[in-house]
Amino acid sequence: MPQLNPAPWFAILVFSWTILLTMLPPKVLAHTLPNDPTPQSTEKPKTEPWNWPWH
């Protein structure tokens, strides 16, 4: 049974994770968003109070 001898399976696990961690992050980080958000102004819009009769 393969569980009894961990040597080849551990090596496969380590090599596969090494390959995944060296190849995938650059590919994922290379993606750009099609619509980059534009920064909005920091000044707040001027609001006026409502003069409603509350009766």
N, C-alpha and C. Protein backbone atom coordinates (compact mmCIF):
# COMPACT_ATOMS: atom_id res chain seq x y z
N MET A 1 0.84 -1.19 0.00
CA MET A 1 0.00 0.00 0.00
C MET A 1 0.89 1.25 0.00
N PRO A 2 0.50 2.27 -0.74
CA PRO A 2 1.37 3.44 -0.84
C PRO A 2 1.49 4.25 0.44
N GLN A 3 0.54 4.13 1.37
CA GLN A 3 0.61 4.91 2.60
C GLN A 3 1.75 4.45 3.50
N LEU A 4 2.18 3.22 3.34
CA LEU A 4 3.18 2.68 4.23
C LEU A 4 4.58 3.20 3.91
N ASN A 5 4.82 3.60 2.67
CA ASN A 5 6.13 4.12 2.29
C ASN A 5 5.95 5.58 1.86
N PRO A 6 6.17 6.55 2.76
CA PRO A 6 5.88 7.95 2.43
C PRO A 6 6.95 8.64 1.59
N ALA A 7 8.08 8.00 1.37
CA ALA A 7 9.18 8.68 0.69
C ALA A 7 8.82 9.17 -0.72
N PRO A 8 8.31 8.32 -1.63
CA PRO A 8 8.04 8.86 -2.97
C PRO A 8 6.88 9.85 -2.97
N TRP A 9 5.89 9.63 -2.14
CA TRP A 9 4.73 10.52 -2.14
C TRP A 9 5.06 11.86 -1.52
N PHE A 10 5.92 11.87 -0.54
CA PHE A 10 6.33 13.14 0.05
C PHE A 10 7.16 13.95 -0.94
N ALA A 11 8.02 13.28 -1.69
CA ALA A 11 8.82 13.97 -2.71
C ALA A 11 7.92 14.54 -3.80
N ILE A 12 6.92 13.79 -4.22
CA ILE A 12 5.97 14.28 -5.23
C ILE A 12 5.22 15.48 -4.70
N LEU A 13 4.81 15.42 -3.44
CA LEU A 13 4.10 16.54 -2.83
C LEU A 13 4.97 17.79 -2.79
N VAL A 14 6.20 17.63 -2.36
CA VAL A 14 7.11 18.78 -2.26
C VAL A 14 7.42 19.36 -3.63
N PHE A 15 7.68 18.53 -4.61
CA PHE A 15 7.98 19.04 -5.95
C PHE A 15 6.78 19.70 -6.59
N SER A 16 5.60 19.12 -6.41
CA SER A 16 4.41 19.73 -7.02
C SER A 16 4.11 21.08 -6.38
N TRP A 17 4.25 21.20 -5.05
CA TRP A 17 4.03 22.50 -4.41
C TRP A 17 5.09 23.50 -4.81
N THR A 18 6.32 23.04 -4.98
CA THR A 18 7.38 23.95 -5.41
C THR A 18 7.08 24.50 -6.80
N ILE A 19 6.65 23.64 -7.69
CA ILE A 19 6.32 24.08 -9.04
C ILE A 19 5.13 25.03 -9.01
N LEU A 20 4.11 24.69 -8.25
CA LEU A 20 2.92 25.54 -8.19
C LEU A 20 3.24 26.91 -7.59
N LEU A 21 4.05 26.94 -6.54
CA LEU A 21 4.35 28.21 -5.89
C LEU A 21 5.35 29.06 -6.66
N THR A 22 6.08 28.48 -7.59
CA THR A 22 6.99 29.30 -8.39
C THR A 22 6.36 29.75 -9.70
N MET A 23 5.38 29.03 -10.21
CA MET A 23 4.80 29.39 -11.50
C MET A 23 3.50 30.17 -11.39
N LEU A 24 2.67 29.85 -10.44
CA LEU A 24 1.35 30.48 -10.40
C LEU A 24 1.32 31.93 -9.91
N PRO A 25 2.01 32.31 -8.84
CA PRO A 25 1.90 33.71 -8.39
C PRO A 25 2.27 34.75 -9.44
N PRO A 26 3.33 34.58 -10.23
CA PRO A 26 3.57 35.59 -11.27
C PRO A 26 2.46 35.67 -12.30
N LYS A 27 1.87 34.52 -12.64
CA LYS A 27 0.77 34.53 -13.61
C LYS A 27 -0.46 35.23 -13.04
N VAL A 28 -0.74 34.99 -11.78
CA VAL A 28 -1.91 35.61 -11.16
C VAL A 28 -1.69 37.11 -10.98
N LEU A 29 -0.50 37.49 -10.56
CA LEU A 29 -0.22 38.91 -10.33
C LEU A 29 -0.07 39.70 -11.63
N ALA A 30 0.10 39.03 -12.75
CA ALA A 30 0.24 39.72 -14.03
C ALA A 30 -1.09 40.22 -14.57
N HIS A 31 -2.20 39.72 -14.02
CA HIS A 31 -3.51 40.15 -14.51
C HIS A 31 -3.78 41.59 -14.10
N THR A 32 -4.39 42.32 -15.00
CA THR A 32 -4.79 43.69 -14.70
C THR A 32 -6.30 43.80 -14.84
N LEU A 33 -6.88 44.71 -14.09
CA LEU A 33 -8.31 44.91 -14.18
C LEU A 33 -8.63 45.72 -15.43
N PRO A 34 -9.71 45.38 -16.15
CA PRO A 34 -10.03 46.16 -17.35
C PRO A 34 -10.50 47.57 -17.03
N ASN A 35 -11.14 47.75 -15.90
CA ASN A 35 -11.63 49.07 -15.50
C ASN A 35 -10.97 49.46 -14.19
N ASP A 36 -9.84 50.12 -14.27
CA ASP A 36 -9.19 50.58 -13.06
C ASP A 36 -10.01 51.71 -12.45
N PRO A 37 -10.26 51.66 -11.16
CA PRO A 37 -11.06 52.72 -10.54
C PRO A 37 -10.30 54.04 -10.53
N THR A 38 -11.00 55.10 -10.85
CA THR A 38 -10.38 56.41 -10.84
C THR A 38 -10.52 57.02 -9.45
N PRO A 39 -9.49 57.68 -8.96
CA PRO A 39 -9.61 58.29 -7.62
C PRO A 39 -10.58 59.47 -7.67
N GLN A 40 -11.43 59.54 -6.66
CA GLN A 40 -12.40 60.62 -6.58
C GLN A 40 -11.85 61.73 -5.70
N SER A 41 -12.43 62.89 -5.84
CA SER A 41 -11.97 64.02 -5.04
C SER A 41 -12.35 63.79 -3.58
N THR A 42 -11.56 64.36 -2.69
CA THR A 42 -11.78 64.15 -1.26
C THR A 42 -12.70 65.19 -0.65
N GLU A 43 -13.02 66.25 -1.39
CA GLU A 43 -13.90 67.26 -0.80
C GLU A 43 -15.34 66.78 -0.84
N LYS A 44 -16.06 67.06 0.24
CA LYS A 44 -17.43 66.59 0.37
C LYS A 44 -18.37 67.53 -0.39
N PRO A 45 -19.42 66.98 -0.97
CA PRO A 45 -20.37 67.85 -1.66
C PRO A 45 -21.14 68.70 -0.65
N LYS A 46 -21.47 69.90 -1.05
CA LYS A 46 -22.18 70.81 -0.17
C LYS A 46 -23.66 70.44 -0.14
N THR A 47 -24.15 70.18 1.03
CA THR A 47 -25.56 69.79 1.18
C THR A 47 -26.32 70.89 1.92
N GLU A 48 -27.59 70.96 1.63
CA GLU A 48 -28.44 71.95 2.28
C GLU A 48 -29.47 71.23 3.14
N PRO A 49 -29.84 71.80 4.28
CA PRO A 49 -30.85 71.13 5.12
C PRO A 49 -32.23 71.23 4.47
N TRP A 50 -33.06 70.24 4.82
CA TRP A 50 -34.43 70.24 4.31
C TRP A 50 -35.30 71.08 5.25
N ASN A 51 -36.07 71.95 4.66
CA ASN A 51 -36.97 72.78 5.46
C ASN A 51 -38.40 72.26 5.29
N TRP A 52 -38.66 71.09 5.84
CA TRP A 52 -39.99 70.51 5.75
C TRP A 52 -40.77 70.82 7.01
N PRO A 53 -42.04 71.11 6.88
CA PRO A 53 -42.88 71.26 8.08
C PRO A 53 -43.20 69.87 8.65
N TRP A 54 -42.92 69.68 9.92
CA TRP A 54 -43.13 68.37 10.54
C TRP A 54 -44.38 68.37 11.39
N HIS A 55 -45.51 68.76 10.82
CA HIS A 55 -46.76 68.68 11.57
C HIS A 55 -47.92 68.25 10.70
